[in-house]
Amino acid sequence: MADTAAIEAILQEMEKAEGLEGAILVSRNGTYIAGTVPKGVHVETFAAMFAILLGAAENSTSELKEVLDHVVINLDSSKMIVVHAGPKALMVLRMEKAADSSGIKRTVEKYMGRIEENL
């Protein structure tokens, strides 16, 4: 069983990275595990859609015989990255529009081992 208190603490530590506005951990089947969800968002739907999105992207890229690294969603005033967080989960990162997606992804990867230990 996941230690959600430990995971929440790790996510809060991660969110201090420059340009990162929030991080959400979602199970591979789309269940919200932990993290900062934007106000006014239906948590269950929000989490489930990212699992579906990442799954669809993985299926599409496998047809190309490529391995998916991450998915970037560009919005009007921000952007989001969806990345693998081990075999059990995925991470949704919300960031400023001008933030360096690759740099933030590298920063977040430093926390993945600790997150996986608590899943």
PDB file of N, CA and C in Angstrom:
ATOM      1  N   MET A   1       0.838  -1.181   0.000  1.00  0.00           N
ATOM      2  CA  MET A   1       0.000   0.000   0.000  1.00  0.00           C
ATOM      3  C   MET A   1       0.885   1.247   0.000  1.00  0.00           C
ATOM      4  N   ALA A   2       0.507   2.236  -0.770  1.00  0.00           N
ATOM      5  CA  ALA A   2       1.296   3.453  -0.932  1.00  0.00           C
ATOM      6  C   ALA A   2       1.318   4.274   0.351  1.00  0.00           C
ATOM      7  N   ASP A   3       2.467   4.839   0.652  1.00  0.00           N
ATOM      8  CA  ASP A   3       2.614   5.754   1.778  1.00  0.00           C
ATOM      9  C   ASP A   3       2.360   7.158   1.234  1.00  0.00           C
ATOM     10  N   THR A   4       1.084   7.551   1.204  1.00  0.00           N
ATOM     11  CA  THR A   4       0.720   8.825   0.576  1.00  0.00           C
ATOM     12  C   THR A   4       1.291  10.029   1.311  1.00  0.00           C
ATOM     13  N   ALA A   5       1.459   9.936   2.628  1.00  0.00           N
ATOM     14  CA  ALA A   5       2.049  11.055   3.371  1.00  0.00           C
ATOM     15  C   ALA A   5       3.490  11.286   2.917  1.00  0.00           C
ATOM     16  N   ALA A   6       4.245  10.218   2.754  1.00  0.00           N
ATOM     17  CA  ALA A   6       5.636  10.341   2.289  1.00  0.00           C
ATOM     18  C   ALA A   6       5.677  10.864   0.857  1.00  0.00           C
ATOM     19  N   ILE A   7       4.782  10.365   0.017  1.00  0.00           N
ATOM     20  CA  ILE A   7       4.740  10.815  -1.377  1.00  0.00           C
ATOM     21  C   ILE A   7       4.368  12.295  -1.445  1.00  0.00           C
ATOM     22  N   GLU A   8       3.388  12.720  -0.653  1.00  0.00           N
ATOM     23  CA  GLU A   8       3.000  14.142  -0.619  1.00  0.00           C
ATOM     24  C   GLU A   8       4.193  15.013  -0.234  1.00  0.00           C
ATOM     25  N   ALA A   9       4.967  14.570   0.754  1.00  0.00           N
ATOM     26  CA  ALA A   9       6.137  15.336   1.190  1.00  0.00           C
ATOM     27  C   ALA A   9       7.167  15.442   0.061  1.00  0.00           C
ATOM     28  N   ILE A  10       7.378  14.364  -0.662  1.00  0.00           N
ATOM     29  CA  ILE A  10       8.323  14.373  -1.786  1.00  0.00           C
ATOM     30  C   ILE A  10       7.829  15.317  -2.880  1.00  0.00           C
ATOM     31  N   LEU A  11       6.541  15.253  -3.205  1.00  0.00           N
ATOM     32  CA  LEU A  11       5.980  16.115  -4.247  1.00  0.00           C
ATOM     33  C   LEU A  11       6.081  17.587  -3.854  1.00  0.00           C
ATOM     34  N   GLN A  12       5.834  17.900  -2.581  1.00  0.00           N
ATOM     35  CA  GLN A  12       5.957  19.290  -2.122  1.00  0.00           C
ATOM     36  C   GLN A  12       7.395  19.774  -2.237  1.00  0.00           C
ATOM     37  N   GLU A  13       8.336  18.909  -1.954  1.00  0.00           N
ATOM     38  CA  GLU A  13       9.752  19.239  -2.110  1.00  0.00           C
ATOM     39  C   GLU A  13      10.069  19.509  -3.590  1.00  0.00           C
ATOM     40  N   MET A  14       9.549  18.654  -4.464  1.00  0.00           N
ATOM     41  CA  MET A  14       9.759  18.818  -5.910  1.00  0.00           C
ATOM     42  C   MET A  14       9.200  20.131  -6.424  1.00  0.00           C
ATOM     43  N   GLU A  15       8.024  20.505  -5.928  1.00  0.00           N
ATOM     44  CA  GLU A  15       7.325  21.690  -6.423  1.00  0.00           C
ATOM     45  C   GLU A  15       8.073  22.984  -6.154  1.00  0.00           C
ATOM     46  N   LYS A  16       9.151  22.910  -5.393  1.00  0.00           N
ATOM     47  CA  LYS A  16       9.976  24.093  -5.133  1.00  0.00           C
ATOM     48  C   LYS A  16      10.896  24.412  -6.317  1.00  0.00           C
ATOM     49  N   ALA A  17      10.977  23.502  -7.269  1.00  0.00           N
ATOM     50  CA  ALA A  17      11.822  23.723  -8.449  1.00  0.00           C
ATOM     51  C   ALA A  17      11.314  24.928  -9.233  1.00  0.00           C
ATOM     52  N   GLU A  18      12.225  25.724  -9.709  1.00  0.00           N
ATOM     53  CA  GLU A  18      11.865  26.929 -10.457  1.00  0.00           C
ATOM     54  C   GLU A  18      11.043  26.584 -11.692  1.00  0.00           C
ATOM     55  N   GLY A  19       9.904  27.256 -11.828  1.00  0.00           N
ATOM     56  CA  GLY A  19       9.032  27.061 -12.980  1.00  0.00           C
ATOM     57  C   GLY A  19       7.969  25.990 -12.790  1.00  0.00           C
ATOM     58  N   LEU A  20       8.134  25.136 -11.778  1.00  0.00           N
ATOM     59  CA  LEU A  20       7.170  24.061 -11.539  1.00  0.00           C
ATOM     60  C   LEU A  20       6.038  24.579 -10.659  1.00  0.00           C
ATOM     61  N   GLU A  21       4.819  24.442 -11.134  1.00  0.00           N
ATOM     62  CA  GLU A  21       3.651  24.949 -10.407  1.00  0.00           C
ATOM     63  C   GLU A  21       2.905  23.860  -9.656  1.00  0.00           C
ATOM     64  N   GLY A  22       3.092  22.618 -10.031  1.00  0.00           N
ATOM     65  CA  GLY A  22       2.404  21.536  -9.357  1.00  0.00           C
ATOM     66  C   GLY A  22       2.804  20.192  -9.918  1.00  0.00           C
ATOM     67  N   ALA A  23       2.652  19.167  -9.090  1.00  0.00           N
ATOM     68  CA  ALA A  23       2.969  17.798  -9.501  1.00  0.00           C
ATOM     69  C   ALA A  23       1.901  16.873  -8.946  1.00  0.00           C
ATOM     70  N   ILE A  24       1.450  15.964  -9.775  1.00  0.00           N
ATOM     71  CA  ILE A  24       0.414  15.016  -9.392  1.00  0.00           C
ATOM     72  C   ILE A  24       0.902  13.619  -9.747  1.00  0.00           C
ATOM     73  N   LEU A  25       0.719  12.689  -8.828  1.00  0.00           N
ATOM     74  CA  LEU A  25       1.058  11.294  -9.074  1.00  0.00           C
ATOM     75  C   LEU A  25      -0.237  10.526  -9.307  1.00  0.00           C
ATOM     76  N   VAL A  26      -0.271   9.760 -10.402  1.00  0.00           N
ATOM     77  CA  VAL A  26      -1.464   9.033 -10.824  1.00  0.00           C
ATOM     78  C   VAL A  26      -1.060   7.582 -11.083  1.00  0.00           C
ATOM     79  N   SER A  27      -1.904   6.640 -10.670  1.00  0.00           N
ATOM     80  CA  SER A  27      -1.613   5.239 -10.968  1.00  0.00           C
ATOM     81  C   SER A  27      -1.748   5.010 -12.466  1.00  0.00           C
ATOM     82  N   ARG A  28      -1.157   3.934 -12.941  1.00  0.00           N
ATOM     83  CA  ARG A  28      -1.222   3.629 -14.377  1.00  0.00           C
ATOM     84  C   ARG A  28      -2.655   3.368 -14.835  1.00  0.00           C
ATOM     85  N   ASN A  29      -3.549   3.011 -13.901  1.00  0.00           N
ATOM     86  CA  ASN A  29      -4.943   2.803 -14.294  1.00  0.00           C
ATOM     87  C   ASN A  29      -5.780   4.070 -14.152  1.00  0.00           C
ATOM     88  N   GLY A  30      -5.145   5.182 -13.744  1.00  0.00           N
ATOM     89  CA  GLY A  30      -5.838   6.471 -13.720  1.00  0.00           C
ATOM     90  C   GLY A  30      -6.367   6.922 -12.381  1.00  0.00           C
ATOM     91  N   THR A  31      -5.955   6.293 -11.294  1.00  0.00           N
ATOM     92  CA  THR A  31      -6.406   6.685  -9.967  1.00  0.00           C
ATOM     93  C   THR A  31      -5.463   7.731  -9.378  1.00  0.00           C
ATOM     94  N   TYR A  32      -6.040   8.814  -8.860  1.00  0.00           N
ATOM     95  CA  TYR A  32      -5.243   9.851  -8.196  1.00  0.00           C
ATOM     96  C   TYR A  32      -4.575   9.246  -6.968  1.00  0.00           C
ATOM     97  N   ILE A  33      -3.267   9.495  -6.806  1.00  0.00           N
ATOM     98  CA  ILE A  33      -2.527   9.010  -5.646  1.00  0.00           C
ATOM     99  C   ILE A  33      -2.186  10.160  -4.709  1.00  0.00           C
ATOM    100  N   ALA A  34      -1.580  11.221  -5.258  1.00  0.00           N
ATOM    101  CA  ALA A  34      -1.137  12.339  -4.419  1.00  0.00           C
ATOM    102  C   ALA A  34      -0.798  13.532  -5.300  1.00  0.00           C
ATOM    103  N   GLY A  35      -0.679  14.687  -4.655  1.00  0.00           N
ATOM    104  CA  GLY A  35      -0.206  15.872  -5.358  1.00  0.00           C
ATOM    105  C   GLY A  35      -1.197  17.018  -5.367  1.00  0.00           C
ATOM    106  N   THR A  36      -0.746  18.118  -5.935  1.00  0.00           N
ATOM    107  CA  THR A  36      -1.509  19.358  -5.984  1.00  0.00           C
ATOM    108  C   THR A  36      -2.358  19.412  -7.246  1.00  0.00           C
ATOM    109  N   VAL A  37      -3.666  19.330  -7.062  1.00  0.00           N
ATOM    110  CA  VAL A  37      -4.614  19.383  -8.183  1.00  0.00           C
ATOM    111  C   VAL A  37      -5.124  20.824  -8.287  1.00  0.00           C
ATOM    112  N   PRO A  38      -5.198  21.376  -9.497  1.00  0.00           N
ATOM    113  CA  PRO A  38      -5.705  22.749  -9.646  1.00  0.00           C
ATOM    114  C   PRO A  38      -7.114  22.898  -9.079  1.00  0.00           C
ATOM    115  N   LYS A  39      -7.386  24.067  -8.530  1.00  0.00           N
ATOM    116  CA  LYS A  39      -8.720  24.350  -7.984  1.00  0.00           C
ATOM    117  C   LYS A  39      -9.777  24.224  -9.077  1.00  0.00           C
ATOM    118  N   GLY A  40     -10.933  23.687  -8.691  1.00  0.00           N
ATOM    119  CA  GLY A  40     -12.058  23.568  -9.604  1.00  0.00           C
ATOM    120  C   GLY A  40     -12.004  22.382 -10.538  1.00  0.00           C
ATOM    121  N   VAL A  41     -10.998  21.539 -10.384  1.00  0.00           N
ATOM    122  CA  VAL A  41     -10.833  20.379 -11.262  1.00  0.00           C
ATOM    123  C   VAL A  41     -11.448  19.145 -10.597  1.00  0.00           C
ATOM    124  N   HIS A  42     -12.159  18.342 -11.374  1.00  0.00           N
ATOM    125  CA  HIS A  42     -12.694  17.075 -10.878  1.00  0.00           C
ATOM    126  C   HIS A  42     -11.532  16.089 -10.831  1.00  0.00           C
ATOM    127  N   VAL A  43     -11.061  15.785  -9.644  1.00  0.00           N
ATOM    128  CA  VAL A  43      -9.828  15.021  -9.443  1.00  0.00           C
ATOM    129  C   VAL A  43      -9.821  13.689 -10.176  1.00  0.00           C
ATOM    130  N   GLU A  44     -10.884  12.908 -10.039  1.00  0.00           N
ATOM    131  CA  GLU A  44     -10.898  11.573 -10.640  1.00  0.00           C
ATOM    132  C   GLU A  44     -10.813  11.625 -12.163  1.00  0.00           C
ATOM    133  N   THR A  45     -11.569  12.548 -12.771  1.00  0.00           N
ATOM    134  CA  THR A  45     -11.540  12.682 -14.222  1.00  0.00           C
ATOM    135  C   THR A  45     -10.185  13.192 -14.686  1.00  0.00           C
ATOM    136  N   PHE A  46      -9.666  14.197 -13.987  1.00  0.00           N
ATOM    137  CA  PHE A  46      -8.369  14.788 -14.316  1.00  0.00           C
ATOM    138  C   PHE A  46      -7.285  13.706 -14.325  1.00  0.00           C
ATOM    139  N   ALA A  47      -7.232  12.894 -13.274  1.00  0.00           N
ATOM    140  CA  ALA A  47      -6.222  11.841 -13.170  1.00  0.00           C
ATOM    141  C   ALA A  47      -6.405  10.773 -14.244  1.00  0.00           C
ATOM    142  N   ALA A  48      -7.626  10.337 -14.436  1.00  0.00           N
ATOM    143  CA  ALA A  48      -7.898   9.271 -15.404  1.00  0.00           C
ATOM    144  C   ALA A  48      -7.511   9.669 -16.824  1.00  0.00           C
ATOM    145  N   MET A  49      -7.768  10.907 -17.197  1.00  0.00           N
ATOM    146  CA  MET A  49      -7.469  11.352 -18.556  1.00  0.00           C
ATOM    147  C   MET A  49      -5.975  11.327 -18.850  1.00  0.00           C
ATOM    148  N   PHE A  50      -5.145  11.594 -17.848  1.00  0.00           N
ATOM    149  CA  PHE A  50      -3.699  11.548 -18.080  1.00  0.00           C
ATOM    150  C   PHE A  50      -3.219  10.119 -18.270  1.00  0.00           C
ATOM    151  N   ALA A  51      -3.802   9.179 -17.552  1.00  0.00           N
ATOM    152  CA  ALA A  51      -3.443   7.775 -17.760  1.00  0.00           C
ATOM    153  C   ALA A  51      -3.842   7.332 -19.160  1.00  0.00           C
ATOM    154  N   ILE A  52      -5.015   7.749 -19.605  1.00  0.00           N
ATOM    155  CA  ILE A  52      -5.470   7.417 -20.958  1.00  0.00           C
ATOM    156  C   ILE A  52      -4.557   8.065 -21.998  1.00  0.00           C
ATOM    157  N   LEU A  53      -4.214   9.320 -21.776  1.00  0.00           N
ATOM    158  CA  LEU A  53      -3.341  10.060 -22.696  1.00  0.00           C
ATOM    159  C   LEU A  53      -1.981   9.377 -22.828  1.00  0.00           C
ATOM    160  N   LEU A  54      -1.370   9.044 -21.704  1.00  0.00           N
ATOM    161  CA  LEU A  54      -0.053   8.408 -21.758  1.00  0.00           C
ATOM    162  C   LEU A  54      -0.146   7.027 -22.403  1.00  0.00           C
ATOM    163  N   GLY A  55      -1.187   6.272 -22.084  1.00  0.00           N
ATOM    164  CA  GLY A  55      -1.373   4.955 -22.696  1.00  0.00           C
ATOM    165  C   GLY A  55      -1.532   5.035 -24.204  1.00  0.00           C
ATOM    166  N   ALA A  56      -2.309   6.015 -24.669  1.00  0.00           N
ATOM    167  CA  ALA A  56      -2.502   6.192 -26.116  1.00  0.00           C
ATOM    168  C   ALA A  56      -1.192   6.588 -26.788  1.00  0.00           C
ATOM    169  N   ALA A  57      -0.443   7.471 -26.148  1.00  0.00           N
ATOM    170  CA  ALA A  57       0.839   7.893 -26.719  1.00  0.00           C
ATOM    171  C   ALA A  57       1.815   6.716 -26.780  1.00  0.00           C
ATOM    172  N   GLU A  58       1.824   5.881 -25.750  1.00  0.00           N
ATOM    173  CA  GLU A  58       2.696   4.697 -25.754  1.00  0.00           C
ATOM    174  C   GLU A  58       2.311   3.732 -26.877  1.00  0.00           C
ATOM    175  N   ASN A  59       1.023   3.511 -27.061  1.00  0.00           N
ATOM    176  CA  ASN A  59       0.575   2.623 -28.135  1.00  0.00           C
ATOM    177  C   ASN A  59       0.951   3.178 -29.495  1.00  0.00           C
ATOM    178  N   SER A  60       0.789   4.480 -29.679  1.00  0.00           N
ATOM    179  CA  SER A  60       1.124   5.103 -30.961  1.00  0.00           C
ATOM    180  C   SER A  60       2.614   5.013 -31.254  1.00  0.00           C
ATOM    181  N   THR A  61       3.439   5.305 -30.257  1.00  0.00           N
ATOM    182  CA  THR A  61       4.884   5.284 -30.490  1.00  0.00           C
ATOM    183  C   THR A  61       5.411   3.865 -30.645  1.00  0.00           C
ATOM    184  N   SER A  62       4.757   2.885 -30.036  1.00  0.00           N
ATOM    185  CA  SER A  62       5.224   1.509 -30.197  1.00  0.00           C
ATOM    186  C   SER A  62       5.053   1.046 -31.636  1.00  0.00           C
ATOM    187  N   GLU A  63       4.053   1.588 -32.316  1.00  0.00           N
ATOM    188  CA  GLU A  63       3.876   1.278 -33.739  1.00  0.00           C
ATOM    189  C   GLU A  63       5.080   1.756 -34.552  1.00  0.00           C
ATOM    190  N   LEU A  64       5.757   2.789 -34.071  1.00  0.00           N
ATOM    191  CA  LEU A  64       6.946   3.318 -34.735  1.00  0.00           C
ATOM    192  C   LEU A  64       8.224   2.621 -34.269  1.00  0.00           C
ATOM    193  N   LYS A  65       8.058   1.654 -33.358  1.00  0.00           N
ATOM    194  CA  LYS A  65       9.197   0.954 -32.748  1.00  0.00           C
ATOM    195  C   LYS A  65      10.079   1.931 -31.974  1.00  0.00           C
ATOM    196  N   GLU A  66       9.432   2.918 -31.341  1.00  0.00           N
ATOM    197  CA  GLU A  66      10.113   3.915 -30.521  1.00  0.00           C
ATOM    198  C   GLU A  66       9.624   3.779 -29.087  1.00  0.00           C
ATOM    199  N   VAL A  67      10.407   4.262 -28.141  1.00  0.00           N
ATOM    200  CA  VAL A  67      10.020   4.266 -26.732  1.00  0.00           C
ATOM    201  C   VAL A  67       9.640   5.690 -26.359  1.00  0.00           C
ATOM    202  N   LEU A  68       8.470   5.835 -25.761  1.00  0.00           N
ATOM    203  CA  LEU A  68       7.980   7.150 -25.362  1.00  0.00           C
ATOM    204  C   LEU A  68       8.769   7.666 -24.165  1.00  0.00           C
ATOM    205  N   ASP A  69       9.231   8.900 -24.250  1.00  0.00           N
ATOM    206  CA  ASP A  69       9.955   9.533 -23.156  1.00  0.00           C
ATOM    207  C   ASP A  69       8.990  10.329 -22.279  1.00  0.00           C
ATOM    208  N   HIS A  70       8.241  11.249 -22.890  1.00  0.00           N
ATOM    209  CA  HIS A  70       7.262  12.045 -22.156  1.00  0.00           C
ATOM    210  C   HIS A  70       6.310  12.711 -23.142  1.00  0.00           C
ATOM    211  N   VAL A  71       5.216  13.241 -22.617  1.00  0.00           N
ATOM    212  CA  VAL A  71       4.227  13.950 -23.425  1.00  0.00           C
ATOM    213  C   VAL A  71       4.158  15.380 -22.905  1.00  0.00           C
ATOM    214  N   VAL A  72       4.192  16.347 -23.810  1.00  0.00           N
ATOM    215  CA  VAL A  72       4.078  17.760 -23.444  1.00  0.00           C
ATOM    216  C   VAL A  72       2.744  18.280 -23.960  1.00  0.00           C
ATOM    217  N   ILE A  73       2.020  18.982 -23.088  1.00  0.00           N
ATOM    218  CA  ILE A  73       0.752  19.606 -23.458  1.00  0.00           C
ATOM    219  C   ILE A  73       0.932  21.109 -23.308  1.00  0.00           C
ATOM    220  N   ASN A  74       0.883  21.819 -24.420  1.00  0.00           N
ATOM    221  CA  ASN A  74       1.034  23.274 -24.395  1.00  0.00           C
ATOM    222  C   ASN A  74      -0.331  23.932 -24.291  1.00  0.00           C
ATOM    223  N   LEU A  75      -0.495  24.780 -23.284  1.00  0.00           N
ATOM    224  CA  LEU A  75      -1.734  25.507 -23.045  1.00  0.00           C
ATOM    225  C   LEU A  75      -1.497  26.989 -23.295  1.00  0.00           C
ATOM    226  N   ASP A  76      -2.542  27.802 -23.198  1.00  0.00           N
ATOM    227  CA  ASP A  76      -2.393  29.240 -23.430  1.00  0.00           C
ATOM    228  C   ASP A  76      -1.377  29.884 -22.500  1.00  0.00           C
ATOM    229  N   SER A  77      -1.474  29.590 -21.203  1.00  0.00           N
ATOM    230  CA  SER A  77      -0.621  30.295 -20.245  1.00  0.00           C
ATOM    231  C   SER A  77       0.289  29.374 -19.441  1.00  0.00           C
ATOM    232  N   SER A  78       0.283  28.094 -19.735  1.00  0.00           N
ATOM    233  CA  SER A  78       1.138  27.143 -19.022  1.00  0.00           C
ATOM    234  C   SER A  78       1.349  25.912 -19.895  1.00  0.00           C
ATOM    235  N   LYS A  79       2.025  24.933 -19.345  1.00  0.00           N
ATOM    236  CA  LYS A  79       2.165  23.654 -20.044  1.00  0.00           C
ATOM    237  C   LYS A  79       2.256  22.535 -19.021  1.00  0.00           C
ATOM    238  N   MET A  80       2.050  21.336 -19.499  1.00  0.00           N
ATOM    239  CA  MET A  80       2.077  20.158 -18.653  1.00  0.00           C
ATOM    240  C   MET A  80       2.942  19.095 -19.319  1.00  0.00           C
ATOM    241  N   ILE A  81       3.595  18.307 -18.488  1.00  0.00           N
ATOM    242  CA  ILE A  81       4.375  17.175 -18.975  1.00  0.00           C
ATOM    243  C   ILE A  81       3.856  15.934 -18.257  1.00  0.00           C
ATOM    244  N   VAL A  82       3.686  14.862 -18.987  1.00  0.00           N
ATOM    245  CA  VAL A  82       3.297  13.581 -18.412  1.00  0.00           C
ATOM    246  C   VAL A  82       4.481  12.640 -18.620  1.00  0.00           C
ATOM    247  N   VAL A  83       4.988  12.085 -17.503  1.00  0.00           N
ATOM    248  CA  VAL A  83       6.160  11.210 -17.559  1.00  0.00           C
ATOM    249  C   VAL A  83       5.897   9.933 -16.776  1.00  0.00           C
ATOM    250  N   HIS A  84       6.661   8.909 -17.059  1.00  0.00           N
ATOM    251  CA  HIS A  84       6.589   7.659 -16.315  1.00  0.00           C
ATOM    252  C   HIS A  84       7.142   7.891 -14.912  1.00  0.00           C
ATOM    253  N   ALA A  85       6.524   7.259 -13.934  1.00  0.00           N
ATOM    254  CA  ALA A  85       7.024   7.286 -12.554  1.00  0.00           C
ATOM    255  C   ALA A  85       7.143   5.845 -12.086  1.00  0.00           C
ATOM    256  N   GLY A  86       7.843   5.055 -12.863  1.00  0.00           N
ATOM    257  CA  GLY A  86       7.995   3.644 -12.556  1.00  0.00           C
ATOM    258  C   GLY A  86       6.882   2.815 -13.160  1.00  0.00           C
ATOM    259  N   PRO A  87       6.857   1.530 -12.848  1.00  0.00           N
ATOM    260  CA  PRO A  87       5.869   0.632 -13.451  1.00  0.00           C
ATOM    261  C   PRO A  87       4.450   0.803 -12.907  1.00  0.00           C
ATOM    262  N   LYS A  88       4.290   1.485 -11.772  1.00  0.00           N
ATOM    263  CA  LYS A  88       2.979   1.602 -11.152  1.00  0.00           C
ATOM    264  C   LYS A  88       2.297   2.944 -11.359  1.00  0.00           C
ATOM    265  N   ALA A  89       3.045   3.958 -11.774  1.00  0.00           N
ATOM    266  CA  ALA A  89       2.458   5.303 -11.775  1.00  0.00           C
ATOM    267  C   ALA A  89       3.028   6.192 -12.874  1.00  0.00           C
ATOM    268  N   LEU A  90       2.394   7.341 -13.012  1.00  0.00           N
ATOM    269  CA  LEU A  90       2.869   8.388 -13.899  1.00  0.00           C
ATOM    270  C   LEU A  90       2.779   9.714 -13.159  1.00  0.00           C
ATOM    271  N   MET A  91       3.565  10.669 -13.612  1.00  0.00           N
ATOM    272  CA  MET A  91       3.629  11.968 -12.974  1.00  0.00           C
ATOM    273  C   MET A  91       3.150  13.021 -13.964  1.00  0.00           C
ATOM    274  N   VAL A  92       2.288  13.911 -13.480  1.00  0.00           N
ATOM    275  CA  VAL A  92       1.808  15.032 -14.272  1.00  0.00           C
ATOM    276  C   VAL A  92       2.412  16.286 -13.665  1.00  0.00           C
ATOM    277  N   LEU A  93       3.181  17.015 -14.454  1.00  0.00           N
ATOM    278  CA  LEU A  93       3.859  18.220 -13.985  1.00  0.00           C
ATOM    279  C   LEU A  93       3.259  19.444 -14.653  1.00  0.00           C
ATOM    280  N   ARG A  94       2.784  20.393 -13.846  1.00  0.00           N
ATOM    281  CA  ARG A  94       2.268  21.660 -14.368  1.00  0.00           C
ATOM    282  C   ARG A  94       3.351  22.711 -14.202  1.00  0.00           C
ATOM    283  N   MET A  95       3.587  23.490 -15.252  1.00  0.00           N
ATOM    284  CA  MET A  95       4.665  24.475 -15.187  1.00  0.00           C
ATOM    285  C   MET A  95       4.331  25.739 -15.950  1.00  0.00           C
ATOM    286  N   GLU A  96       5.130  26.749 -15.693  1.00  0.00           N
ATOM    287  CA  GLU A  96       4.989  28.014 -16.404  1.00  0.00           C
ATOM    288  C   GLU A  96       5.221  27.781 -17.890  1.00  0.00           C
ATOM    289  N   LYS A  97       4.585  28.597 -18.712  1.00  0.00           N
ATOM    290  CA  LYS A  97       4.701  28.460 -20.167  1.00  0.00           C
ATOM    291  C   LYS A  97       6.167  28.534 -20.629  1.00  0.00           C
ATOM    292  N   ALA A  98       6.933  29.434 -20.011  1.00  0.00           N
ATOM    293  CA  ALA A  98       8.317  29.648 -20.439  1.00  0.00           C
ATOM    294  C   ALA A  98       9.304  28.672 -19.801  1.00  0.00           C
ATOM    295  N   ALA A  99       8.841  27.793 -18.931  1.00  0.00           N
ATOM    296  CA  ALA A  99       9.736  26.872 -18.230  1.00  0.00           C
ATOM    297  C   ALA A  99      10.391  25.893 -19.195  1.00  0.00           C
ATOM    298  N   ASP A 100      11.584  25.482 -18.858  1.00  0.00           N
ATOM    299  CA  ASP A 100      12.339  24.506 -19.648  1.00  0.00           C
ATOM    300  C   ASP A 100      11.830  23.104 -19.303  1.00  0.00           C
ATOM    301  N   SER A 101      11.014  22.535 -20.160  1.00  0.00           N
ATOM    302  CA  SER A 101      10.398  21.225 -19.915  1.00  0.00           C
ATOM    303  C   SER A 101      11.435  20.146 -19.638  1.00  0.00           C
ATOM    304  N   SER A 102      12.466  20.101 -20.444  1.00  0.00           N
ATOM    305  CA  SER A 102      13.495  19.066 -20.278  1.00  0.00           C
ATOM    306  C   SER A 102      14.250  19.250 -18.971  1.00  0.00           C
ATOM    307  N   GLY A 103      14.526  20.496 -18.611  1.00  0.00           N
ATOM    308  CA  GLY A 103      15.234  20.776 -17.360  1.00  0.00           C
ATOM    309  C   GLY A 103      14.409  20.367 -16.151  1.00  0.00           C
ATOM    310  N   ILE A 104      13.125  20.688 -16.177  1.00  0.00           N
ATOM    311  CA  ILE A 104      12.250  20.299 -15.068  1.00  0.00           C
ATOM    312  C   ILE A 104      12.119  18.787 -15.010  1.00  0.00           C
ATOM    313  N   LYS A 105      12.016  18.144 -16.161  1.00  0.00           N
ATOM    314  CA  LYS A 105      11.925  16.676 -16.186  1.00  0.00           C
ATOM    315  C   LYS A 105      13.173  16.066 -15.556  1.00  0.00           C
ATOM    316  N   ARG A 106      14.356  16.598 -15.870  1.00  0.00           N
ATOM    317  CA  ARG A 106      15.594  16.083 -15.272  1.00  0.00           C
ATOM    318  C   ARG A 106      15.597  16.292 -13.756  1.00  0.00           C
ATOM    319  N   THR A 107      15.115  17.438 -13.303  1.00  0.00           N
ATOM    320  CA  THR A 107      15.039  17.722 -11.869  1.00  0.00           C
ATOM    321  C   THR A 107      14.126  16.722 -11.181  1.00  0.00           C
ATOM    322  N   VAL A 108      12.978  16.472 -11.770  1.00  0.00           N
ATOM    323  CA  VAL A 108      11.988  15.566 -11.185  1.00  0.00           C
ATOM    324  C   VAL A 108      12.501  14.127 -11.155  1.00  0.00           C
ATOM    325  N   GLU A 109      13.265  13.736 -12.137  1.00  0.00           N
ATOM    326  CA  GLU A 109      13.786  12.366 -12.193  1.00  0.00           C
ATOM    327  C   GLU A 109      14.619  12.019 -10.966  1.00  0.00           C
ATOM    328  N   LYS A 110      15.216  13.024 -10.332  1.00  0.00           N
ATOM    329  CA  LYS A 110      16.016  12.801  -9.130  1.00  0.00           C
ATOM    330  C   LYS A 110      15.159  12.293  -7.969  1.00  0.00           C
ATOM    331  N   TYR A 111      13.854  12.544  -8.018  1.00  0.00           N
ATOM    332  CA  TYR A 111      12.945  12.149  -6.955  1.00  0.00           C
ATOM    333  C   TYR A 111      12.239  10.822  -7.224  1.00  0.00           C
ATOM    334  N   MET A 112      12.339  10.315  -8.426  1.00  0.00           N
ATOM    335  CA  MET A 112      11.561   9.138  -8.819  1.00  0.00           C
ATOM    336  C   MET A 112      11.860   7.904  -7.978  1.00  0.00           C
ATOM    337  N   GLY A 113      13.108   7.661  -7.638  1.00  0.00           N
ATOM    338  CA  GLY A 113      13.439   6.500  -6.826  1.00  0.00           C
ATOM    339  C   GLY A 113      12.750   6.535  -5.470  1.00  0.00           C
ATOM    340  N   ARG A 114      12.743   7.714  -4.858  1.00  0.00           N
ATOM    341  CA  ARG A 114      12.084   7.865  -3.552  1.00  0.00           C
ATOM    342  C   ARG A 114      10.576   7.669  -3.678  1.00  0.00           C
ATOM    343  N   ILE A 115      10.003   8.164  -4.765  1.00  0.00           N
ATOM    344  CA  ILE A 115       8.561   7.988  -4.982  1.00  0.00           C
ATOM    345  C   ILE A 115       8.242   6.513  -5.165  1.00  0.00           C
ATOM    346  N   GLU A 116       9.019   5.817  -6.012  1.00  0.00           N
ATOM    347  CA  GLU A 116       8.771   4.391  -6.253  1.00  0.00           C
ATOM    348  C   GLU A 116       8.873   3.569  -4.975  1.00  0.00           C
ATOM    349  N   GLU A 117       9.795   3.939  -4.078  1.00  0.00           N
ATOM    350  CA  GLU A 117       9.947   3.226  -2.811  1.00  0.00           C
ATOM    351  C   GLU A 117       8.679   3.315  -1.951  1.00  0.00           C
ATOM    352  N   ASN A 118       7.920   4.387  -2.133  1.00  0.00           N
ATOM    353  CA  ASN A 118       6.735   4.627  -1.311  1.00  0.00           C
ATOM    354  C   ASN A 118       5.429   4.202  -1.988  1.00  0.00           C
ATOM    355  N   LEU A 119       5.517   3.636  -3.189  1.00  0.00           N
ATOM    356  CA  LEU A 119       4.307   3.169  -3.875  1.00  0.00           C
ATOM    357  C   LEU A 119       3.953   1.759  -3.457  1.00  0.00           C
TER     358      LEU A 119
END
